C-alpha cells in the first residue's frame, strides 16, 4: 500500500498500540485479504516505551469496516484458544 500525498485521505487508522499487536493484526488482516500498513516502527525502535502506543495500523478506507471486524474476530478467536 503506498502512502503518497494523492491518496492520503483514502486510508484510515484501525489500530494504535503496541508493535506486537499491530503485527499480529496486520497478519490477521492479510489472512482476510486486506492490505494493511504498520506505521511508526521507526519511532518505537528509536524511543521504545518512552512513546507508548506509537505504532499504528492503516488500511484503505473502503476496507476499514471489514478490517475492524477481522481484528475483532482475531481477538475473539484468541480468547477461545486461551
Protein backbone atom coordinates (compact mmCIF):
# COMPACT_ATOMS: atom_id res chain seq x y z
CA UNK A 1 0.00 0.00 0.00
CA UNK A 2 1.57 3.27 -0.99
CA UNK A 3 1.08 6.37 1.12
CA UNK A 4 1.69 9.15 -1.36
CA UNK A 5 0.05 12.52 -0.92
CA UNK A 6 -2.51 11.82 -3.65
CA UNK A 7 -4.27 9.09 -1.72
CA UNK A 8 -3.55 10.06 1.89
CA UNK A 9 -7.26 10.56 2.57
CA UNK A 10 -8.04 7.12 1.23
CA UNK A 11 -6.52 5.34 4.24
CA UNK A 12 -7.70 5.18 7.83
CA UNK A 13 -6.18 4.08 11.11
CA UNK A 14 -7.77 0.94 12.55
CA UNK A 15 -5.39 0.36 15.48
CA UNK A 16 -2.98 2.24 17.72
CA UNK A 17 -0.89 0.41 20.29
CA UNK A 18 1.98 -2.00 20.66
CA UNK A 19 4.14 -3.18 17.80
CA UNK A 20 3.40 -6.81 18.70
CA UNK A 21 -0.36 -6.36 18.41
CA UNK A 22 -0.03 -4.25 15.27
CA UNK A 23 1.93 -7.01 13.56
CA UNK A 24 -0.48 -9.70 14.75
CA UNK A 25 -3.42 -7.69 13.47
CA UNK A 26 -1.63 -7.00 10.20
CA UNK A 27 -1.25 -10.75 9.65
CA UNK A 28 -4.90 -11.34 10.56
CA UNK A 29 -5.88 -8.70 8.00
CA UNK A 30 -3.65 -10.28 5.36
CA UNK A 31 -5.34 -13.61 6.06
CA UNK A 32 -8.67 -11.85 5.46
CA UNK A 33 -7.41 -10.43 2.16
CA UNK A 34 -6.97 -6.88 3.45
CA UNK A 35 -3.82 -4.89 2.68
CA UNK A 36 -2.59 -3.14 5.85
CA UNK A 37 0.42 -0.99 6.70
CA UNK A 38 2.10 -0.76 10.10
CA UNK A 39 3.30 2.81 10.72
CA UNK A 40 5.55 4.12 13.49
CA UNK A 41 8.02 1.26 13.78
CA UNK A 42 10.97 3.63 13.49
CA UNK A 43 9.74 5.78 16.37
CA UNK A 44 9.09 2.73 18.52
CA UNK A 45 12.54 1.32 17.72
CA UNK A 46 14.25 4.62 18.50
CA UNK A 47 12.43 5.63 21.66
CA UNK A 48 10.98 2.34 22.85
CA UNK A 49 8.50 2.64 25.71
CA UNK A 50 9.09 6.40 26.02
CA UNK A 51 6.32 6.89 23.46
CA UNK A 52 3.58 4.36 24.27
CA UNK A 53 1.06 3.41 21.62
CA UNK A 54 3.15 4.99 18.87
CA UNK A 55 2.56 2.19 16.36
CA UNK A 56 -0.49 2.38 14.10
CA UNK A 57 -2.16 0.09 11.60
CA UNK A 58 -3.69 1.69 8.50
CA UNK A 59 -5.96 0.26 5.78
CA UNK A 60 -7.76 1.62 2.73
CA UNK A 61 -10.86 3.47 3.83
CA UNK A 62 -13.17 1.22 1.85
CA UNK A 63 -11.83 -1.78 3.80
CA UNK A 64 -11.96 -0.17 7.26
CA UNK A 65 -15.19 -1.81 8.39
CA UNK A 66 -14.06 -5.23 7.19
CA UNK A 67 -10.66 -4.67 8.86
CA UNK A 68 -12.19 -3.77 12.21
CA UNK A 69 -14.41 -6.86 12.01
CA UNK A 70 -11.37 -9.04 11.20
CA UNK A 71 -9.47 -7.61 14.19
CA UNK A 72 -12.47 -8.23 16.43
CA UNK A 73 -12.72 -11.80 15.14
CA UNK A 74 -9.00 -12.31 15.74
CA UNK A 75 -9.42 -11.20 19.36
CA UNK A 76 -12.45 -13.49 19.81
CA UNK A 77 -10.55 -16.45 18.38
CA UNK A 78 -7.56 -15.64 20.61
CA UNK A 79 -9.78 -15.73 23.72
CA UNK A 80 -11.32 -19.05 22.67
CA UNK A 81 -7.87 -20.60 22.19
CA UNK A 82 -6.61 -19.35 25.55
